[in-house]
Amino acid sequence: MFIVIVHVSVKDDCIPDFIRETNLNASASLEEAGISFFDVIQHNDEPAKFLLMEVYKDEEASKAHKETAHYQKWRDAVADMMKEPRYSEKYHEIFPALEFWQKPA
């Protein structure tokens, strides 16, 4: 699996709009064959901070995701909502077993 954790810091007045746009992107992303999970989480104490946890079958699926219309729409829609540039970190699974992470066929 290829796991991407995206760190996002949003302008305070943009939080509702960011959540709306991100939920649309996440929902559409789950329809992609190469994505198993697309989680959006918000920091409890700092509500302008978000993490997107994207679990892909492989790195190629991650690259394909960036070519989709819904990702490009999201990217453009949220660009001016950022307090600072978002950044991502790449991971791979350890536990639970690989089967947990894979989307059912």
C-alpha atoms as a PDB file:
ATOM      1  CA  MET A   1       0.000   0.000   0.000  1.00  0.00           C
ATOM      2  CA  PHE A   2       1.019   3.606  -0.569  1.00  0.00           C
ATOM      3  CA  ILE A   3      -0.263   5.884   2.180  1.00  0.00           C
ATOM      4  CA  VAL A   4      -0.197   9.656   1.907  1.00  0.00           C
ATOM      5  CA  ILE A   5      -0.822  11.892   4.915  1.00  0.00           C
ATOM      6  CA  VAL A   6      -1.564  15.460   3.815  1.00  0.00           C
ATOM      7  CA  HIS A   7      -1.194  18.213   6.423  1.00  0.00           C
ATOM      8  CA  VAL A   8      -3.419  21.221   5.808  1.00  0.00           C
ATOM      9  CA  SER A   9      -3.734  24.492   7.697  1.00  0.00           C
ATOM     10  CA  VAL A  10      -6.776  26.512   6.618  1.00  0.00           C
ATOM     11  CA  LYS A  11      -7.669  30.162   7.176  1.00  0.00           C
ATOM     12  CA  ASP A  12     -10.192  30.354  10.025  1.00  0.00           C
ATOM     13  CA  ASP A  13     -12.925  31.942   7.924  1.00  0.00           C
ATOM     14  CA  CYS A  14     -12.548  29.232   5.257  1.00  0.00           C
ATOM     15  CA  ILE A  15     -13.075  26.177   7.469  1.00  0.00           C
ATOM     16  CA  PRO A  16     -16.697  25.405   6.423  1.00  0.00           C
ATOM     17  CA  ASP A  17     -15.892  25.865   2.732  1.00  0.00           C
ATOM     18  CA  PHE A  18     -12.760  23.738   3.029  1.00  0.00           C
ATOM     19  CA  ILE A  19     -14.707  20.948   4.712  1.00  0.00           C
ATOM     20  CA  ARG A  20     -17.405  21.063   2.023  1.00  0.00           C
ATOM     21  CA  GLU A  21     -14.917  20.952  -0.867  1.00  0.00           C
ATOM     22  CA  THR A  22     -12.778  18.303   0.790  1.00  0.00           C
ATOM     23  CA  ASN A  23     -15.753  16.056   1.517  1.00  0.00           C
ATOM     24  CA  LEU A  24     -16.770  16.252  -2.156  1.00  0.00           C
ATOM     25  CA  ASN A  25     -13.259  15.288  -3.229  1.00  0.00           C
ATOM     26  CA  ALA A  26     -12.970  12.493  -0.658  1.00  0.00           C
ATOM     27  CA  SER A  27     -16.338  11.006  -1.647  1.00  0.00           C
ATOM     28  CA  ALA A  28     -15.434  10.995  -5.333  1.00  0.00           C
ATOM     29  CA  SER A  29     -11.967   9.638  -4.553  1.00  0.00           C
ATOM     30  CA  LEU A  30     -13.435   6.577  -2.870  1.00  0.00           C
ATOM     31  CA  GLU A  31     -14.918   5.634  -6.248  1.00  0.00           C
ATOM     32  CA  GLU A  32     -11.422   5.289  -7.731  1.00  0.00           C
ATOM     33  CA  ALA A  33     -10.299   1.674  -8.121  1.00  0.00           C
ATOM     34  CA  GLY A  34      -6.853   2.384  -6.644  1.00  0.00           C
ATOM     35  CA  ILE A  35      -8.030   4.013  -3.398  1.00  0.00           C
ATOM     36  CA  SER A  36      -8.941   1.977  -0.308  1.00  0.00           C
ATOM     37  CA  PHE A  37      -9.419   4.791   2.217  1.00  0.00           C
ATOM     38  CA  PHE A  38      -9.684   8.560   2.061  1.00  0.00           C
ATOM     39  CA  ASP A  39     -10.100   9.914   5.568  1.00  0.00           C
ATOM     40  CA  VAL A  40     -10.489  13.583   6.477  1.00  0.00           C
ATOM     41  CA  ILE A  41      -9.829  14.484  10.102  1.00  0.00           C
ATOM     42  CA  GLN A  42      -9.822  17.794  11.970  1.00  0.00           C
ATOM     43  CA  HIS A  43      -7.686  18.746  14.951  1.00  0.00           C
ATOM     44  CA  ASN A  44      -9.711  19.024  18.193  1.00  0.00           C
ATOM     45  CA  ASP A  45      -7.860  21.986  19.699  1.00  0.00           C
ATOM     46  CA  GLU A  46      -6.894  23.750  16.470  1.00  0.00           C
ATOM     47  CA  PRO A  47      -9.903  23.421  14.151  1.00  0.00           C
ATOM     48  CA  ALA A  48      -8.075  25.052  11.232  1.00  0.00           C
ATOM     49  CA  LYS A  49      -5.734  22.040  11.035  1.00  0.00           C
ATOM     50  CA  PHE A  50      -6.672  18.971   9.017  1.00  0.00           C
ATOM     51  CA  LEU A  51      -5.128  15.696   7.979  1.00  0.00           C
ATOM     52  CA  LEU A  52      -6.118  13.813   4.873  1.00  0.00           C
ATOM     53  CA  MET A  53      -5.173  10.143   5.013  1.00  0.00           C
ATOM     54  CA  GLU A  54      -5.192   8.650   1.553  1.00  0.00           C
ATOM     55  CA  VAL A  55      -4.541   4.913   1.197  1.00  0.00           C
ATOM     56  CA  TYR A  56      -3.683   3.815  -2.333  1.00  0.00           C
ATOM     57  CA  LYS A  57      -3.060   0.400  -3.857  1.00  0.00           C
ATOM     58  CA  ASP A  58       0.322   1.682  -5.039  1.00  0.00           C
ATOM     59  CA  GLU A  59       2.171   4.840  -6.019  1.00  0.00           C
ATOM     60  CA  GLU A  60       0.715   4.703  -9.539  1.00  0.00           C
ATOM     61  CA  ALA A  61      -2.808   4.960  -8.098  1.00  0.00           C
ATOM     62  CA  SER A  62      -1.713   8.063  -6.207  1.00  0.00           C
ATOM     63  CA  LYS A  63      -0.422   9.607  -9.427  1.00  0.00           C
ATOM     64  CA  ALA A  64      -3.652   8.672 -11.244  1.00  0.00           C
ATOM     65  CA  HIS A  65      -5.678  10.363  -8.485  1.00  0.00           C
ATOM     66  CA  LYS A  66      -3.984  13.675  -9.240  1.00  0.00           C
ATOM     67  CA  GLU A  67      -5.192  13.412 -12.849  1.00  0.00           C
ATOM     68  CA  THR A  68      -8.885  13.148 -11.907  1.00  0.00           C
ATOM     69  CA  ALA A  69     -11.287  16.030 -12.468  1.00  0.00           C
ATOM     70  CA  HIS A  70     -12.502  15.927  -8.841  1.00  0.00           C
ATOM     71  CA  TYR A  71      -8.965  16.253  -7.445  1.00  0.00           C
ATOM     72  CA  GLN A  72      -8.110  19.118  -9.787  1.00  0.00           C
ATOM     73  CA  LYS A  73     -11.375  20.878  -8.895  1.00  0.00           C
ATOM     74  CA  TRP A  74     -10.588  20.452  -5.177  1.00  0.00           C
ATOM     75  CA  ARG A  75      -6.977  21.625  -5.603  1.00  0.00           C
ATOM     76  CA  ASP A  76      -8.103  24.808  -7.343  1.00  0.00           C
ATOM     77  CA  ALA A  77     -11.062  25.440  -5.023  1.00  0.00           C
ATOM     78  CA  VAL A  78      -9.029  25.248  -1.795  1.00  0.00           C
ATOM     79  CA  ALA A  79      -5.825  26.937  -2.996  1.00  0.00           C
ATOM     80  CA  ASP A  80      -6.723  30.345  -1.552  1.00  0.00           C
ATOM     81  CA  MET A  81      -8.102  28.810   1.659  1.00  0.00           C
ATOM     82  CA  MET A  82      -4.665  27.735   2.913  1.00  0.00           C
ATOM     83  CA  LYS A  83      -2.892  29.567   5.750  1.00  0.00           C
ATOM     84  CA  GLU A  84       0.320  28.012   4.495  1.00  0.00           C
ATOM     85  CA  PRO A  85       1.206  25.523   1.777  1.00  0.00           C
ATOM     86  CA  ARG A  86      -0.039  22.012   2.466  1.00  0.00           C
ATOM     87  CA  TYR A  87       2.516  19.224   2.605  1.00  0.00           C
ATOM     88  CA  SER A  88       2.420  15.464   2.497  1.00  0.00           C
ATOM     89  CA  GLU A  89       4.307  12.523   3.937  1.00  0.00           C
ATOM     90  CA  LYS A  90       4.446   9.041   2.430  1.00  0.00           C
ATOM     91  CA  TYR A  91       4.034   5.836   4.463  1.00  0.00           C
ATOM     92  CA  HIS A  92       3.392   2.114   4.065  1.00  0.00           C
ATOM     93  CA  GLU A  93       1.371  -0.314   6.167  1.00  0.00           C
ATOM     94  CA  ILE A  94       2.732  -2.349   9.081  1.00  0.00           C
ATOM     95  CA  PHE A  95      -0.357  -3.302  11.086  1.00  0.00           C
ATOM     96  CA  PRO A  96      -3.049  -4.384  10.556  1.00  0.00           C
ATOM     97  CA  ALA A  97      -2.293  -6.912   7.851  1.00  0.00           C
ATOM     98  CA  LEU A  98      -2.288  -5.853   4.205  1.00  0.00           C
ATOM     99  CA  GLU A  99      -5.720  -7.408   3.617  1.00  0.00           C
ATOM    100  CA  PHE A 100      -7.287  -4.832   5.961  1.00  0.00           C
ATOM    101  CA  TRP A 101      -6.069  -1.961   3.802  1.00  0.00           C
ATOM    102  CA  GLN A 102      -7.175  -3.381   0.468  1.00  0.00           C
ATOM    103  CA  LYS A 103     -10.511  -2.413  -1.064  1.00  0.00           C
ATOM    104  CA  PRO A 104     -12.759  -5.458  -1.528  1.00  0.00           C
ATOM    105  CA  ALA A 105     -12.952  -6.571  -5.155  1.00  0.00           C
END
